[in-house]
Protein backbone atom coordinates (compact mmCIF):
# COMPACT_ATOMS: atom_id res chain seq x y z
CA UNK A 1 97.56 -196.20 -72.97
CA UNK A 2 95.09 -194.44 -75.32
CA UNK A 3 97.59 -194.74 -78.19
CA UNK A 4 98.07 -198.45 -77.48
CA UNK A 5 94.31 -199.08 -77.51
CA UNK A 6 93.91 -197.04 -80.69
CA UNK A 7 96.70 -198.95 -82.44
CA UNK A 8 95.26 -202.29 -81.22
CA UNK A 9 91.82 -201.42 -82.62
CA UNK A 10 93.41 -200.24 -85.87
CA UNK A 11 95.14 -203.59 -86.38
CA UNK A 12 91.90 -205.39 -85.57
CA UNK A 13 90.00 -203.20 -88.04
CA UNK A 14 92.46 -203.85 -90.85
CA UNK A 15 93.06 -207.56 -90.24
CA UNK A 16 89.48 -208.40 -89.25
CA UNK A 17 87.85 -206.42 -92.07
CA UNK A 18 90.13 -208.05 -94.65
CA UNK A 19 89.21 -211.49 -93.32
CA UNK A 20 85.50 -210.66 -93.56
CA UNK A 21 85.99 -209.35 -97.11
CA UNK A 22 87.67 -212.63 -97.92
CA UNK A 23 84.73 -214.66 -96.62
CA UNK A 24 82.19 -212.45 -98.40
CA UNK A 25 84.05 -212.56 -101.72
CA UNK A 26 84.47 -216.31 -101.42
CA UNK A 27 80.75 -216.80 -100.79
CA UNK A 28 79.76 -214.69 -103.81
CA UNK A 29 82.38 -216.22 -106.11
CA UNK A 30 81.37 -219.71 -105.10
CA UNK A 31 77.94 -219.12 -106.69
CA UNK A 32 79.56 -218.86 -110.14
CA UNK A 33 82.97 -220.53 -109.82
CA UNK A 34 84.30 -223.68 -108.20
CA UNK A 35 85.99 -223.77 -104.77
CA UNK A 36 89.58 -223.23 -105.98
CA UNK A 37 88.84 -220.28 -108.30
CA UNK A 38 86.65 -218.68 -105.61
CA UNK A 39 89.50 -219.00 -103.09
CA UNK A 40 91.95 -217.27 -105.48
CA UNK A 41 89.55 -214.40 -106.23
CA UNK A 42 88.79 -213.92 -102.52
CA UNK A 43 92.49 -213.98 -101.68
CA UNK A 44 93.44 -211.32 -104.30
CA UNK A 45 90.62 -208.92 -103.43
CA UNK A 46 91.06 -209.28 -99.67
CA UNK A 47 94.84 -208.82 -99.89
CA UNK A 48 94.38 -205.63 -101.93
CA UNK A 49 91.74 -204.41 -99.47
CA UNK A 50 94.05 -205.19 -96.55
CA UNK A 51 96.88 -203.09 -98.01
CA UNK A 52 94.85 -200.03 -98.98
CA UNK A 53 92.82 -199.95 -95.76
CA UNK A 54 96.04 -200.25 -93.76
CA UNK A 55 97.61 -197.42 -95.73
CA UNK A 56 94.64 -195.13 -94.96
CA UNK A 57 94.42 -196.02 -91.25
CA UNK A 58 97.14 -197.79 -89.29
CA UNK A 59 100.09 -196.68 -91.40
CA UNK A 60 98.82 -193.42 -92.92
CA UNK A 61 101.74 -191.38 -91.53
CA UNK A 62 104.42 -193.62 -93.02
CA UNK A 63 106.08 -193.09 -96.38
CA UNK A 64 105.77 -196.23 -98.53
CA UNK A 65 108.53 -197.69 -100.71
CA UNK A 66 108.24 -200.46 -103.31
CA UNK A 67 109.84 -202.82 -100.80
CA UNK A 68 107.19 -201.90 -98.21
CA UNK A 69 104.37 -202.52 -100.69
CA UNK A 70 105.72 -205.94 -101.69
CA UNK A 71 106.17 -206.95 -98.06
CA UNK A 72 102.71 -205.79 -97.02
CA UNK A 73 101.12 -207.72 -99.89
CA UNK A 74 103.08 -210.84 -98.98
CA UNK A 75 102.31 -210.62 -95.28
CA UNK A 76 98.63 -209.79 -95.70
CA UNK A 77 98.35 -212.51 -98.34
CA UNK A 78 99.84 -215.11 -96.02
CA UNK A 79 97.47 -213.92 -93.30
CA UNK A 80 94.45 -214.45 -95.51
CA UNK A 81 95.65 -217.88 -96.63
CA UNK A 82 96.01 -218.70 -92.95
CA UNK A 83 92.43 -217.50 -92.52
CA UNK A 84 91.22 -220.30 -94.77
CA UNK A 85 93.60 -222.81 -93.18
CA UNK A 86 92.50 -221.88 -89.64
CA UNK A 87 88.88 -222.20 -90.70
CA UNK A 88 89.39 -225.70 -92.08
CA UNK A 89 91.37 -226.80 -89.01
CA UNK A 90 88.71 -225.44 -86.66
CA UNK A 91 85.87 -227.17 -88.51
CA UNK A 92 87.49 -230.44 -89.65
CA UNK A 93 90.14 -231.14 -86.97
CA UNK A 94 88.90 -229.42 -83.80
CA UNK A 95 85.32 -230.21 -84.84
CA UNK A 96 83.78 -226.77 -84.27
CA UNK A 97 80.42 -227.26 -85.92
CA UNK A 98 79.16 -223.66 -85.92
CA UNK A 99 80.60 -221.85 -88.96
CA UNK A 100 80.24 -218.34 -87.45
CA UNK A 101 82.24 -219.19 -84.32
CA UNK A 102 84.97 -220.71 -86.48
CA UNK A 103 85.07 -217.57 -88.63
CA UNK A 104 85.33 -215.31 -85.57
CA UNK A 105 88.21 -217.34 -84.15
CA UNK A 106 90.05 -217.52 -87.49
CA UNK A 107 89.57 -213.76 -87.98
CA UNK A 108 91.09 -213.15 -84.54
CA UNK A 109 94.08 -215.35 -85.43
CA UNK A 110 94.57 -213.34 -88.64
CA UNK A 111 94.64 -210.15 -86.58
CA UNK A 112 97.43 -211.60 -84.40
CA UNK A 113 99.35 -212.56 -87.55
CA UNK A 114 98.81 -209.06 -88.98
CA UNK A 115 100.44 -207.47 -85.95
CA UNK A 116 103.29 -209.92 -85.24
CA UNK A 117 104.33 -210.27 -88.89
CA UNK A 118 104.79 -206.52 -89.24
CA UNK A 119 106.80 -206.37 -86.04
CA UNK A 120 108.95 -209.40 -86.90
CA UNK A 121 109.42 -209.17 -90.67
CA UNK A 122 108.58 -205.92 -92.42
CA UNK A 123 110.41 -203.32 -90.36
CA UNK A 124 112.47 -205.33 -87.91
CA UNK A 125 115.66 -203.47 -88.95
CA UNK A 126 114.26 -200.00 -88.25
CA UNK A 127 114.10 -199.49 -84.51
CA UNK A 128 110.61 -198.63 -83.37
CA UNK A 129 109.08 -198.11 -86.83
CA UNK A 130 105.98 -200.07 -85.90
CA UNK A 131 106.28 -199.51 -82.18
CA UNK A 132 102.84 -198.64 -80.86
CA UNK A 133 104.28 -195.90 -78.66
CA UNK A 134 106.38 -194.29 -81.41
CA UNK A 135 106.56 -190.51 -80.93
CA UNK A 136 105.90 -187.87 -83.58
CA UNK A 137 108.46 -185.16 -82.87
CA UNK A 138 108.76 -181.67 -84.37
CA UNK A 139 112.21 -180.07 -84.51
CA UNK A 140 112.09 -176.40 -85.57
CA UNK A 141 115.35 -175.09 -86.96
CA UNK A 142 116.03 -178.73 -87.80
CA UNK A 143 118.33 -177.99 -90.76
CA UNK A 144 120.66 -175.90 -88.61
CA UNK A 145 123.81 -176.92 -86.77
CA UNK A 146 122.24 -178.29 -83.58
CA UNK A 147 118.86 -179.11 -85.14
CA UNK A 148 120.33 -181.44 -87.77
CA UNK A 149 122.25 -183.44 -85.15
CA UNK A 150 119.13 -183.63 -83.00
CA UNK A 151 116.98 -184.86 -85.93
CA UNK A 152 119.51 -187.59 -86.68
CA UNK A 153 119.61 -188.70 -83.04
CA UNK A 154 115.80 -188.80 -82.73
CA UNK A 155 115.35 -190.76 -85.98
CA UNK A 156 118.02 -193.25 -84.90
CA UNK A 157 116.20 -193.65 -81.59
CA UNK A 158 113.10 -194.85 -83.46
CA UNK A 159 110.94 -191.72 -83.64
CA UNK A 160 109.06 -190.11 -86.52
CA UNK A 161 110.71 -186.69 -86.93
CA UNK A 162 109.28 -183.63 -88.64
CA UNK A 163 112.06 -181.16 -89.41
CA UNK A 164 110.79 -177.62 -89.92
CA UNK A 165 113.12 -174.87 -91.17
CA UNK A 166 112.85 -171.80 -93.39
CA UNK A 167 116.55 -172.17 -94.31
CA UNK A 168 117.36 -168.62 -93.13
CA UNK A 169 120.59 -170.04 -91.69
CA UNK A 170 119.91 -173.78 -91.95
CA UNK A 171 121.18 -175.85 -94.89
CA UNK A 172 119.64 -178.79 -96.70
CA UNK A 173 123.09 -180.39 -96.88
CA UNK A 174 122.96 -180.82 -93.09
CA UNK A 175 120.00 -183.20 -93.38
CA UNK A 176 120.67 -184.67 -96.83
CA UNK A 177 121.29 -188.16 -95.43
CA UNK A 178 117.88 -188.15 -93.70
CA UNK A 179 115.67 -187.15 -96.62
CA UNK A 180 115.04 -190.71 -97.84
CA UNK A 181 114.37 -192.07 -94.36
CA UNK A 182 110.77 -193.23 -93.90
CA UNK A 183 110.68 -191.74 -90.42
CA UNK A 184 111.84 -188.27 -91.45
CA UNK A 185 109.89 -185.42 -93.05
CA UNK A 186 111.10 -181.95 -94.02
CA UNK A 187 108.77 -178.93 -94.09
CA UNK A 188 110.00 -175.54 -95.28
CA UNK A 189 108.18 -173.12 -93.02
CA UNK A 190 108.88 -170.00 -90.96
CA UNK A 191 108.28 -170.47 -87.26
CA UNK A 192 106.91 -166.93 -87.00
CA UNK A 193 103.88 -168.15 -88.99
CA UNK A 194 101.36 -170.57 -87.50
CA UNK A 195 101.22 -174.20 -88.56
CA UNK A 196 98.92 -177.10 -87.69
CA UNK A 197 100.58 -180.46 -87.04
CA UNK A 198 99.95 -183.52 -84.88
CA UNK A 199 102.95 -184.00 -82.60
CA UNK A 200 103.89 -185.48 -79.22
CA UNK A 201 106.99 -183.37 -78.57
CA UNK A 202 108.40 -180.08 -79.89
CA UNK A 203 112.07 -179.08 -79.79
CA UNK A 204 112.16 -175.36 -80.63
CA UNK A 205 115.64 -174.63 -81.98
CA UNK A 206 114.52 -172.05 -84.56
CA UNK A 207 116.50 -168.82 -84.25
CA UNK A 208 119.62 -167.30 -85.86
CA UNK A 209 122.33 -168.06 -83.29
CA UNK A 210 125.61 -166.59 -84.50
CA UNK A 211 126.29 -162.82 -84.14
CA UNK A 212 126.44 -162.10 -87.90
CA UNK A 213 123.20 -164.05 -88.45
CA UNK A 214 121.13 -162.56 -85.65
CA UNK A 215 122.47 -159.05 -86.27
CA UNK A 216 121.64 -159.27 -89.99
CA UNK A 217 118.03 -158.41 -89.16
CA UNK A 218 117.65 -157.74 -85.43
CA UNK A 219 113.89 -157.22 -85.71
CA UNK A 220 113.47 -160.62 -87.39
CA UNK A 221 115.53 -162.22 -84.62
CA UNK A 222 113.22 -160.72 -81.99
CA UNK A 223 110.15 -161.88 -83.97
CA UNK A 224 111.56 -165.41 -84.07
CA UNK A 225 112.18 -165.37 -80.32
CA UNK A 226 108.71 -164.03 -79.50
CA UNK A 227 106.22 -165.03 -82.21
CA UNK A 228 108.07 -168.25 -82.96
CA UNK A 229 108.03 -169.39 -79.35
CA UNK A 230 104.38 -168.37 -78.93
CA UNK A 231 103.32 -170.23 -82.07
CA UNK A 232 105.08 -173.38 -80.91
CA UNK A 233 103.59 -173.06 -77.42
CA UNK A 234 100.12 -172.80 -78.96
CA UNK A 235 100.80 -175.87 -81.09
CA UNK A 236 102.06 -177.77 -78.04
CA UNK A 237 98.99 -176.68 -76.07
CA UNK A 238 96.66 -177.88 -78.84
CA UNK A 239 98.38 -181.30 -78.93
CA UNK A 240 98.99 -181.57 -75.18
CA UNK A 241 102.63 -182.01 -76.24
CA UNK A 242 105.81 -181.24 -74.31
CA UNK A 243 107.83 -178.32 -75.68
CA UNK A 244 111.55 -177.84 -75.10
CA UNK A 245 112.91 -174.35 -75.71
CA UNK A 246 116.50 -173.82 -76.85
CA UNK A 247 117.57 -170.87 -74.71
CA UNK A 248 121.15 -169.73 -74.31
CA UNK A 249 123.94 -168.72 -71.95
CA UNK A 250 123.65 -165.30 -73.60
CA UNK A 251 120.77 -164.54 -71.25
CA UNK A 252 123.47 -164.09 -68.58
CA UNK A 253 125.04 -161.28 -70.66
CA UNK A 254 128.50 -160.23 -69.42
CA UNK A 255 128.22 -162.11 -66.10
CA UNK A 256 129.23 -160.75 -62.73
CA UNK A 257 128.84 -164.24 -61.22
CA UNK A 258 131.30 -166.95 -62.27
CA UNK A 259 130.66 -169.74 -63.07
CA UNK A 260 127.02 -169.08 -63.93
CA UNK A 261 124.23 -170.90 -62.10
CA UNK A 262 120.60 -171.04 -63.18
CA UNK A 263 119.46 -168.66 -60.42
CA UNK A 264 121.74 -165.87 -61.69
CA UNK A 265 119.60 -163.22 -63.43
CA UNK A 266 122.28 -161.88 -65.71
CA UNK A 267 123.88 -158.62 -66.76
CA UNK A 268 122.46 -157.75 -70.19
CA UNK A 269 122.42 -154.46 -72.08
CA UNK A 270 118.79 -154.25 -73.34
CA UNK A 271 119.64 -151.71 -76.08
CA UNK A 272 122.99 -153.04 -77.32
CA UNK A 273 123.75 -154.68 -80.67
CA UNK A 274 123.46 -158.16 -79.12
CA UNK A 275 120.17 -157.40 -77.34
CA UNK A 276 117.95 -158.75 -80.14
CA UNK A 277 119.29 -162.22 -79.34
CA UNK A 278 120.00 -161.91 -75.59
CA UNK A 279 116.72 -160.22 -74.71
CA UNK A 280 114.86 -162.24 -77.35
CA UNK A 281 115.87 -165.46 -75.63
CA UNK A 282 114.97 -163.98 -72.25
CA UNK A 283 111.43 -163.15 -73.43
CA UNK A 284 111.23 -166.66 -74.89
CA UNK A 285 111.85 -168.08 -71.42
CA UNK A 286 109.24 -165.68 -70.02
CA UNK A 287 106.63 -166.98 -72.47
CA UNK A 288 107.47 -170.59 -71.63
CA UNK A 289 106.88 -170.12 -67.92
CA UNK A 290 103.83 -167.89 -68.43
CA UNK A 291 102.19 -170.65 -70.49
CA UNK A 292 103.16 -173.12 -67.78
CA UNK A 293 101.54 -171.00 -65.05
CA UNK A 294 98.48 -169.86 -67.02
CA UNK A 295 97.64 -172.94 -69.09
CA UNK A 296 99.50 -175.78 -67.41
CA UNK A 297 101.62 -176.30 -70.54
CA UNK A 298 104.28 -179.01 -70.39
CA UNK A 299 107.56 -177.17 -70.84
CA UNK A 300 111.33 -177.66 -70.68
CA UNK A 301 113.92 -174.86 -70.90
CA UNK A 302 117.62 -175.39 -71.54
CA UNK A 303 120.40 -172.80 -71.55
CA UNK A 304 123.01 -173.85 -74.08
CA UNK A 305 126.62 -172.75 -73.68
CA UNK A 306 129.18 -172.60 -76.53
CA UNK A 307 128.90 -175.73 -78.67
CA UNK A 308 130.96 -176.85 -81.66
CA UNK A 309 131.24 -179.75 -84.10
CA UNK A 310 130.40 -180.87 -87.65
CA UNK A 311 127.64 -179.01 -89.54
CA UNK A 312 128.78 -175.63 -88.23
CA UNK A 313 128.76 -173.03 -90.98
CA UNK A 314 132.34 -172.05 -91.79
CA UNK A 315 131.18 -168.43 -92.12
CA UNK A 316 128.95 -168.23 -89.04
CA UNK A 317 131.28 -165.85 -87.18
CA UNK A 318 131.64 -167.91 -84.01
CA UNK A 319 135.05 -168.33 -82.49
CA UNK A 320 135.65 -172.04 -83.15
CA UNK A 321 134.58 -171.88 -86.80
CA UNK A 322 136.50 -168.64 -87.32
CA UNK A 323 139.74 -169.97 -85.86
CA UNK A 324 139.60 -173.32 -87.69
CA UNK A 325 138.74 -171.77 -91.06
CA UNK A 326 141.51 -169.17 -90.75
CA UNK A 327 144.03 -171.81 -89.66
CA UNK A 328 143.17 -174.16 -92.54
CA UNK A 329 143.44 -171.33 -95.05
CA UNK A 330 146.74 -170.15 -93.56
CA UNK A 331 145.25 -166.76 -92.73
CA UNK A 332 145.93 -164.72 -89.59
CA UNK A 333 143.82 -165.89 -86.67
CA UNK A 334 141.81 -162.94 -85.38
CA UNK A 335 141.34 -162.57 -81.63
CA UNK A 336 139.05 -159.76 -80.50
CA UNK A 337 140.36 -158.26 -77.27
CA UNK A 338 143.60 -159.29 -75.56
CA UNK A 339 142.86 -163.03 -75.67
CA UNK A 340 142.24 -163.44 -71.95
CA UNK A 341 138.45 -163.61 -72.25
CA UNK A 342 137.17 -167.13 -71.64
CA UNK A 343 134.61 -169.56 -73.03
CA UNK A 344 133.61 -173.15 -72.31
CA UNK A 345 133.23 -175.44 -75.31
CA UNK A 346 130.93 -178.47 -75.49
CA UNK A 347 131.15 -180.99 -78.34
CA UNK A 348 127.85 -181.36 -80.16
CA UNK A 349 127.35 -185.10 -79.44
CA UNK A 350 127.53 -184.46 -75.70
CA UNK A 351 125.06 -181.60 -75.96
CA UNK A 352 122.52 -183.53 -78.04
CA UNK A 353 122.55 -186.34 -75.47
CA UNK A 354 121.77 -183.86 -72.70
CA UNK A 355 118.95 -182.22 -74.71
CA UNK A 356 117.16 -185.53 -75.27
CA UNK A 357 117.63 -186.43 -71.60
CA UNK A 358 116.05 -183.12 -70.62
CA UNK A 359 113.02 -183.62 -72.88
CA UNK A 360 112.38 -187.06 -71.40
CA UNK A 361 113.10 -186.11 -67.80
CA UNK A 362 110.45 -186.06 -65.07
CA UNK A 363 107.53 -183.83 -66.06
CA UNK A 364 107.90 -181.86 -62.82
CA UNK A 365 111.35 -180.62 -63.87
CA UNK A 366 110.88 -177.73 -66.30
CA UNK A 367 114.29 -176.10 -65.87
CA UNK A 368 115.89 -173.86 -66.80
CA UNK A 369 119.04 -175.97 -66.80
CA UNK A 370 122.56 -175.13 -67.96
CA UNK A 371 123.92 -177.47 -70.64
CA UNK A 372 127.55 -177.18 -71.63
CA UNK A 373 131.10 -178.22 -70.82
CA UNK A 374 132.51 -176.54 -67.70
CA UNK A 375 136.08 -176.74 -69.04
CA UNK A 376 137.20 -173.10 -69.39
CA UNK A 377 139.71 -171.82 -71.95
CA UNK A 378 141.01 -168.39 -72.92
CA UNK A 379 140.74 -167.34 -76.55
CA UNK A 380 144.54 -167.44 -76.76
CA UNK A 381 144.61 -171.04 -75.51
CA UNK A 382 141.98 -172.03 -78.08
CA UNK A 383 143.82 -170.34 -80.95
CA UNK A 384 147.14 -172.00 -80.09
CA UNK A 385 145.50 -175.44 -79.77
CA UNK A 386 143.84 -175.10 -83.19
CA UNK A 387 147.13 -173.97 -84.77
CA UNK A 388 148.79 -177.06 -83.27
CA UNK A 389 146.07 -179.51 -84.40
CA UNK A 390 145.86 -178.10 -87.95
CA UNK A 391 149.67 -177.77 -88.22
CA UNK A 392 149.01 -174.28 -89.53
CA UNK A 393 151.51 -171.49 -89.96
CA UNK A 394 148.89 -168.86 -89.16
CA UNK A 395 149.84 -165.97 -86.90
CA UNK A 396 147.61 -164.53 -84.17
CA UNK A 397 146.50 -160.91 -84.52
CA UNK A 398 144.48 -158.88 -82.02
CA UNK A 399 141.60 -156.50 -82.73
CA UNK A 400 139.27 -154.39 -80.65
CA UNK A 401 136.67 -156.28 -78.60
CA UNK A 402 133.11 -155.74 -79.99
CA UNK A 403 130.52 -153.92 -77.89
CA UNK A 404 128.87 -155.98 -75.10
CA UNK A 405 131.00 -159.07 -75.85
CA UNK A 406 131.19 -161.12 -72.61
CA UNK A 407 134.62 -161.40 -71.02
CA UNK A 408 133.98 -164.77 -69.39
CA UNK A 409 131.55 -167.65 -69.69
CA UNK A 410 131.46 -170.97 -67.83
CA UNK A 411 128.45 -173.09 -66.84
CA UNK A 412 127.80 -174.58 -63.46
CA UNK A 413 126.21 -177.91 -64.47
CA UNK A 414 125.43 -179.26 -60.99
CA UNK A 415 121.70 -179.19 -61.75
CA UNK A 416 122.16 -181.16 -64.99
CA UNK A 417 124.20 -183.77 -63.11
CA UNK A 418 121.56 -184.05 -60.38
CA UNK A 419 118.38 -184.03 -62.50
CA UNK A 420 119.57 -185.61 -65.76
CA UNK A 421 122.50 -187.72 -64.63
CA UNK A 422 124.51 -186.05 -67.38
CA UNK A 423 127.93 -184.53 -67.84
CA UNK A 424 130.04 -184.13 -71.01
CA UNK A 425 132.55 -186.84 -71.93
CA UNK A 426 134.46 -185.46 -74.94
CA UNK A 427 137.38 -183.16 -74.14
CA UNK A 428 138.26 -180.13 -76.24
CA UNK A 429 141.21 -181.63 -78.14
CA UNK A 430 139.28 -184.75 -79.16
CA UNK A 431 136.25 -182.71 -80.22
CA UNK A 432 138.38 -180.24 -82.19
CA UNK A 433 140.04 -183.06 -84.16
CA UNK A 434 136.60 -184.27 -85.32
CA UNK A 435 135.52 -180.72 -86.12
CA UNK A 436 138.71 -179.91 -88.04
CA UNK A 437 138.22 -183.04 -90.19
CA UNK A 438 134.76 -181.75 -91.13
CA UNK A 439 136.02 -178.20 -91.81
CA UNK A 440 138.84 -179.47 -94.06
CA UNK A 441 136.23 -180.89 -96.40
CA UNK A 442 134.07 -177.74 -96.21
CA UNK A 443 137.01 -175.43 -96.96
CA UNK A 444 138.06 -177.69 -99.86
CA UNK A 445 134.54 -177.60 -101.29
CA UNK A 446 134.43 -173.81 -100.95
CA UNK A 447 137.69 -173.52 -102.91
CA UNK A 448 136.35 -175.80 -105.63
CA UNK A 449 133.18 -173.73 -105.97
CA UNK A 450 135.10 -170.46 -106.16
C-alpha cells in the first residue's frame, strides 16, 4: 500500500507541477506576446519540465530509449494541451466562474491523463513495466546456469531484475539477450563483498556448483557460502526484503535415508574434498535460520537436486554435460564407479517454476523444501539414453568412483506438492532432447574457436 501511495503522489507531482508550470509560463508570456504565442511557449516549456521531472522522480529507475523519450514528450504534450482545453470547457461551457477552481480541476484531469496514457500507450507491450507494484529483484549468480534462466523468467513476468555476478563461473553469453531490456541491469560484483541496493526480493544463487568449479579454490567456495550469504542477509534486512537461498541436495551427503526428506540431517564428511561445498551450503542454511530467529528476517530455503538444460557449461564436470559432450564428440563416455549409482534429473524450466513459487509462497513457510524430479536413473541408464538420443557411436568406460561421491540421490517432494502445488512436468527424454540441441551448438562453436 505504501508503494501505491508513493507512486500515486509521484504521478500527481509530475502531472500537477507541469500543469502549474504551464499556467505560470502562459501568464508571464502573455505580458509580452499574444494568446497563441504564449500558449505555444507554455506548452513547450511545460512539456520539457514534465519529462525531466518524471525522469528524476517517477521513472528514475528505468532505462530510457529514444522511443521512450518521443512517447513521453507526445503524451505529456497532449496532457498539457488538454489542460488548456479542460480549462476553457470548465469556464466557458460548464460556467465555472472562479479561475482557481477551474485550474485545480483541470490539473487533476491532467494527472489522470498522465497515469492512464502511460499505462495504455507507452509501455502496454511490456508486462508490468509501469505497474505500481512492480518488484525490484536481485539475482546473485545471475549469469550462471540457473541464475540466467531465473533472470529471464522474472523479467518476462514483469519485474525489474538486477543480475549480479563476478563471472567466476557465470558467462555473459547466458544473459546476452537480456542486456538491452529496460527492466534488466547487470552488475559485476563479488557476493563476498558488501553492496548497497534497493530491492524487494533477493534470490541468492551465487556459488560455484560443479565439482571442478568448487574444488578449484575450496576456501573461496566456503567464503561464498558464508560471507556471501551473510552479506545478502544484511542487504535483505536493510530493505525488509525476502531472501531465497539456493541450497542443495549435497547437504544430505551420501544418504542413508532414501528417498531424502527435508527432516533428514544427512551423512556428510566434513573434511573431504567435497566438504567446501556440502558444509558451505549447510552453514548457509544455518545463517538463514539464525537471521530468521534473531532478527525476524524473511527467508526461504530450497534444496536443489540435479538439474540440467540449456546454458550448462559443457566443461562443468557434471554428469549430464559430461555424457552429452562426450557423446557428441564421439569420445568414450566415462562412468565413475560401476554405473549403478543413481541420480534424479530435473529439467531447468520445471525447477525455475518451483523456485519462483517458493519465493512467492506464504510468508510463514520458510522451508527448507526439496526441489527436483523424483524420477531415479542409474548412471548406466543415463549414458545409454544419451547415446541413443545423440545417435553416437561412443563406448562406455568405467573408472574409479571419486572420494565421497554419493551412491544414490532422489528427492521426496511431498512438501513441495503440499505447500507450492508444484511437481515437475518434463520427463528425462524430452528434457535431454532440448539439452542436446543446445550442446550441439556449443560443441560446434568450441570446434570453430579451436
